[in-house]
């Protein structure tokens, strides 16, 4: 395992490694990721125009987004420190005949030292709330992207509503996610993420919120960033 950075929580790695074999089951604990993936993909593609681009997906897990971006014509490198999840991602890409995607067990910080300014776009989705030092990951993402390139984040807001919806509702009432998936203290306010992005030299291009209706079991993008939200940034050319 390549853990050259200290910015990793062994308990979080263990949690996702335990579920690794279920990544590609659309009715598993990862169902929400399968459902929101088309929304994330279209939003990213509309801004960064993925075809022909070099993209790195930081914290790629089982490769749901990475593989989808490759299908849009991007050359994608998915990176993660959960080796079991990466093996699942590699196997699925092989079985699905997904060309243009490869995977590597390496941290964002280490890759940023190896390949600074190498990628046209960087995605880091649903990952920042699972690491001890999210600001360091944001900084690494900024170092990985080319001048003029795009950096995309998605995470969970920290407020009473998000505690109620994302933790109590999603993990305990609706059971959309395994209990203990998210720790309230680690959730990230948009102002905090914005500050880290600007400190890393990125310009803020815009936010999107993501909402969920438990009755219709439908997700959609909106302007409401109070629970789930996405942030698009660019490195000045």
Protein backbone atom coordinates (compact mmCIF):
# COMPACT_ATOMS: atom_id res chain seq x y z
CA UNK A 1 0.00 0.00 0.00
CA UNK A 2 1.31 3.41 -0.91
CA UNK A 3 0.58 5.60 2.10
CA UNK A 4 3.43 8.05 1.77
CA UNK A 5 1.16 10.72 3.18
CA UNK A 6 -0.11 10.80 6.74
CA UNK A 7 -3.40 12.23 5.50
CA UNK A 8 -5.35 9.01 5.75
CA UNK A 9 -7.70 7.54 8.34
CA UNK A 10 -7.14 3.76 8.68
CA UNK A 11 -10.68 3.31 10.05
CA UNK A 12 -12.15 4.99 6.96
CA UNK A 13 -10.02 2.81 4.64
CA UNK A 14 -11.12 -0.31 6.51
CA UNK A 15 -14.77 0.73 6.27
CA UNK A 16 -14.68 1.09 2.48
CA UNK A 17 -12.45 -1.97 2.00
CA UNK A 18 -15.02 -4.09 3.85
CA UNK A 19 -17.72 -3.02 1.37
CA UNK A 20 -15.43 -3.13 -1.70
CA UNK A 21 -17.10 -6.15 -3.33
CA UNK A 22 -20.43 -4.27 -3.37
CA UNK A 23 -19.28 -1.13 -5.27
CA UNK A 24 -20.93 -2.11 -8.55
CA UNK A 25 -24.16 -3.49 -7.13
CA UNK A 26 -26.68 -0.71 -7.88
CA UNK A 27 -28.94 -1.96 -5.05
CA UNK A 28 -26.15 -2.05 -2.44
CA UNK A 29 -24.96 0.56 0.05
CA UNK A 30 -23.53 2.37 -2.97
CA UNK A 31 -26.92 2.82 -4.64
CA UNK A 32 -26.92 6.60 -3.95
CA UNK A 33 -23.61 6.94 -5.81
CA UNK A 34 -25.02 5.07 -8.81
CA UNK A 35 -28.08 7.32 -8.77
CA UNK A 36 -26.20 10.63 -8.53
CA UNK A 37 -23.43 9.63 -10.94
CA UNK A 38 -25.23 10.76 -14.16
CA UNK A 39 -25.96 14.14 -12.53
CA UNK A 40 -22.32 14.65 -11.49
CA UNK A 41 -21.03 13.43 -14.84
CA UNK A 42 -23.20 15.78 -16.93
CA UNK A 43 -22.38 18.75 -14.70
CA UNK A 44 -18.62 18.09 -14.99
CA UNK A 45 -18.79 17.43 -18.74
CA UNK A 46 -20.83 20.58 -19.41
CA UNK A 47 -18.10 22.70 -17.81
CA UNK A 48 -14.87 20.85 -18.62
CA UNK A 49 -15.85 19.06 -21.87
CA UNK A 50 -14.27 15.70 -20.99
CA UNK A 51 -13.63 14.23 -24.45
CA UNK A 52 -9.90 13.99 -25.14
CA UNK A 53 -8.96 15.37 -21.70
CA UNK A 54 -6.52 14.00 -19.13
CA UNK A 55 -8.46 13.60 -15.88
CA UNK A 56 -7.56 12.35 -12.41
CA UNK A 57 -10.30 11.15 -10.05
CA UNK A 58 -9.04 11.56 -6.47
CA UNK A 59 -10.57 9.07 -4.03
CA UNK A 60 -12.10 7.10 -6.90
CA UNK A 61 -13.26 4.14 -4.79
CA UNK A 62 -14.69 1.42 -7.03
CA UNK A 63 -14.47 3.61 -10.13
CA UNK A 64 -18.13 4.57 -10.70
CA UNK A 65 -17.33 8.15 -11.78
CA UNK A 66 -13.88 7.38 -13.26
CA UNK A 67 -15.28 4.77 -15.63
CA UNK A 68 -18.17 7.03 -16.64
CA UNK A 69 -15.77 9.88 -17.48
CA UNK A 70 -13.70 7.49 -19.61
CA UNK A 71 -16.87 6.63 -21.53
CA UNK A 72 -17.19 10.34 -22.28
CA UNK A 73 -13.83 10.13 -24.04
CA UNK A 74 -11.48 11.24 -21.26
CA UNK A 75 -8.21 9.51 -20.37
CA UNK A 76 -8.81 8.88 -16.68
CA UNK A 77 -6.50 7.96 -13.82
CA UNK A 78 -8.43 6.90 -10.71
CA UNK A 79 -6.45 7.10 -7.47
CA UNK A 80 -7.31 5.84 -3.99
CA UNK A 81 -5.60 4.35 -0.94
CA UNK A 82 -8.17 1.56 -0.49
CA UNK A 83 -6.50 -1.26 -2.38
CA UNK A 84 -9.53 -3.58 -2.34
CA UNK A 85 -11.74 -0.90 -3.91
CA UNK A 86 -9.13 -0.33 -6.64
CA UNK A 87 -9.02 -4.05 -7.45
CA UNK A 88 -12.82 -4.01 -7.84
CA UNK A 89 -12.53 -0.93 -10.09
CA UNK A 90 -9.87 -2.57 -12.27
CA UNK A 91 -11.86 -5.79 -12.58
CA UNK A 92 -15.06 -3.95 -13.51
CA UNK A 93 -13.28 -1.86 -16.17
CA UNK A 94 -11.86 -5.07 -17.63
CA UNK A 95 -15.24 -6.84 -17.65
CA UNK A 96 -17.04 -3.80 -19.07
CA UNK A 97 -14.40 -3.22 -21.74
CA UNK A 98 -13.93 0.32 -20.44
CA UNK A 99 -10.88 1.70 -22.20
CA UNK A 100 -9.27 4.96 -21.23
CA UNK A 101 -9.33 4.34 -17.49
CA UNK A 102 -6.54 3.08 -15.23
CA UNK A 103 -6.10 2.96 -11.48
CA UNK A 104 -3.29 3.50 -9.03
CA UNK A 105 -2.89 3.18 -5.27
CA UNK A 106 -1.38 6.57 -4.45
CA UNK A 107 -2.35 9.66 -2.47
CA UNK A 108 -3.24 12.97 -4.11
CA UNK A 109 -0.34 14.62 -2.30
CA UNK A 110 2.20 12.10 -3.60
CA UNK A 111 0.85 12.26 -7.16
CA UNK A 112 0.98 16.07 -7.04
CA UNK A 113 4.70 15.86 -6.29
CA UNK A 114 5.22 13.40 -9.16
CA UNK A 115 3.01 15.00 -11.82
CA UNK A 116 2.34 18.67 -11.01
CA UNK A 117 0.24 20.52 -13.58
CA UNK A 118 -0.39 17.34 -15.57
CA UNK A 119 -4.19 17.09 -15.75
CA UNK A 120 -6.86 19.05 -17.62
CA UNK A 121 -9.40 18.28 -14.90
CA UNK A 122 -9.37 16.92 -11.36
CA UNK A 123 -12.41 15.41 -9.64
CA UNK A 124 -12.61 14.77 -5.90
CA UNK A 125 -16.13 13.63 -5.03
CA UNK A 126 -17.53 12.50 -1.67
CA UNK A 127 -13.98 12.11 -0.34
CA UNK A 128 -12.94 15.24 1.59
CA UNK A 129 -15.21 14.43 4.54
CA UNK A 130 -13.36 11.13 5.04
CA UNK A 131 -9.77 12.42 5.51
CA UNK A 132 -8.08 14.04 8.54
CA UNK A 133 -6.77 17.05 6.57
CA UNK A 134 -9.14 17.94 3.71
CA UNK A 135 -7.38 21.26 3.03
CA UNK A 136 -4.21 19.33 2.09
CA UNK A 137 -6.20 17.30 -0.47
CA UNK A 138 -7.66 20.50 -1.94
CA UNK A 139 -4.14 21.91 -2.22
CA UNK A 140 -2.90 18.71 -3.92
CA UNK A 141 -5.80 18.86 -6.41
CA UNK A 142 -4.81 22.43 -7.28
CA UNK A 143 -1.21 21.33 -7.89
CA UNK A 144 -2.32 18.44 -10.13
CA UNK A 145 -4.29 20.59 -12.60
CA UNK A 146 -2.90 22.50 -15.59
CA UNK A 147 -3.27 26.29 -15.73
CA UNK A 148 -6.76 26.94 -17.08
CA UNK A 149 -7.90 23.48 -15.96
CA UNK A 150 -10.91 22.55 -13.83
CA UNK A 151 -11.12 21.11 -10.31
CA UNK A 152 -14.41 19.66 -9.04
CA UNK A 153 -15.34 18.80 -5.46
CA UNK A 154 -18.48 17.39 -3.87
CA UNK A 155 -19.09 16.95 -0.16
CA UNK A 156 -21.62 17.48 2.64
CA UNK A 157 -22.45 20.73 4.41
CA UNK A 158 -22.17 20.94 8.22
CA UNK A 159 -25.31 22.32 9.86
CA UNK A 160 -28.36 20.99 11.76
CA UNK A 161 -30.28 20.30 8.52
CA UNK A 162 -27.46 18.22 7.03
CA UNK A 163 -27.13 16.30 10.31
CA UNK A 164 -30.83 15.53 10.16
CA UNK A 165 -30.96 14.65 6.44
CA UNK A 166 -27.53 13.18 5.64
CA UNK A 167 -26.82 11.30 8.86
CA UNK A 168 -30.06 10.62 10.78
CA UNK A 169 -32.23 10.38 7.66
CA UNK A 170 -29.90 8.69 5.17
CA UNK A 171 -28.07 6.34 7.56
CA UNK A 172 -30.62 5.52 10.28
CA UNK A 173 -34.13 6.11 8.93
CA UNK A 174 -34.00 5.46 5.17
CA UNK A 175 -30.88 3.23 5.37
CA UNK A 176 -29.57 4.67 2.11
CA UNK A 177 -26.05 4.43 3.54
CA UNK A 178 -24.43 2.20 6.19
CA UNK A 179 -24.57 3.62 9.71
CA UNK A 180 -21.37 5.48 10.52
CA UNK A 181 -20.64 6.45 6.89
CA UNK A 182 -20.39 10.11 7.86
CA UNK A 183 -19.11 11.79 11.01
CA UNK A 184 -20.80 15.14 11.66
CA UNK A 185 -17.65 16.92 12.86
CA UNK A 186 -15.92 16.10 9.56
CA UNK A 187 -18.59 17.62 7.33
CA UNK A 188 -17.47 20.78 5.50
CA UNK A 189 -19.18 24.14 5.17
CA UNK A 190 -19.05 25.74 1.69
CA UNK A 191 -17.21 28.75 3.18
CA UNK A 192 -14.47 26.43 4.48
CA UNK A 193 -14.07 24.63 1.16
CA UNK A 194 -14.06 27.96 -0.68
CA UNK A 195 -11.33 29.28 1.62
CA UNK A 196 -9.13 26.20 1.11
CA UNK A 197 -9.62 26.38 -2.67
CA UNK A 198 -8.65 30.06 -2.80
CA UNK A 199 -5.64 29.46 -0.55
CA UNK A 200 -4.55 26.78 -3.04
CA UNK A 201 -4.73 29.33 -5.89
CA UNK A 202 -8.03 28.20 -7.40
CA UNK A 203 -10.77 30.53 -8.62
CA UNK A 204 -14.37 29.71 -7.64
CA UNK A 205 -16.60 29.12 -10.68
CA UNK A 206 -19.81 28.09 -8.94
CA UNK A 207 -21.76 25.87 -6.57
CA UNK A 208 -24.54 23.39 -7.15
CA UNK A 209 -26.69 21.74 -4.52
CA UNK A 210 -28.00 18.20 -4.72
CA UNK A 211 -31.41 17.27 -3.33
CA UNK A 212 -33.22 13.99 -2.74
CA UNK A 213 -36.91 13.11 -2.53
CA UNK A 214 -37.33 9.93 -0.42
CA UNK A 215 -40.84 9.33 -1.79
CA UNK A 216 -39.86 9.33 -5.48
CA UNK A 217 -36.27 8.20 -4.65
CA UNK A 218 -35.05 10.82 -7.10
CA UNK A 219 -32.00 13.10 -6.94
CA UNK A 220 -31.60 16.39 -8.78
CA UNK A 221 -29.21 19.36 -8.93
CA UNK A 222 -30.46 22.68 -7.55
CA UNK A 223 -29.26 25.91 -5.94
CA UNK A 224 -29.81 24.50 -2.43
CA UNK A 225 -26.37 23.76 -0.95
CA UNK A 226 -27.62 23.16 2.60
CA UNK A 227 -26.97 19.38 2.56
CA UNK A 228 -25.07 17.91 -0.44
CA UNK A 229 -23.17 20.32 -2.66
CA UNK A 230 -20.70 20.47 -5.54
CA UNK A 231 -18.05 23.12 -6.21
CA UNK A 232 -16.40 23.92 -9.55
CA UNK A 233 -13.03 25.72 -9.54
CA UNK A 234 -10.43 26.70 -12.10
CA UNK A 235 -6.71 27.31 -11.93
CA UNK A 236 -6.04 30.67 -13.61
CA UNK A 237 -4.40 30.28 -17.03
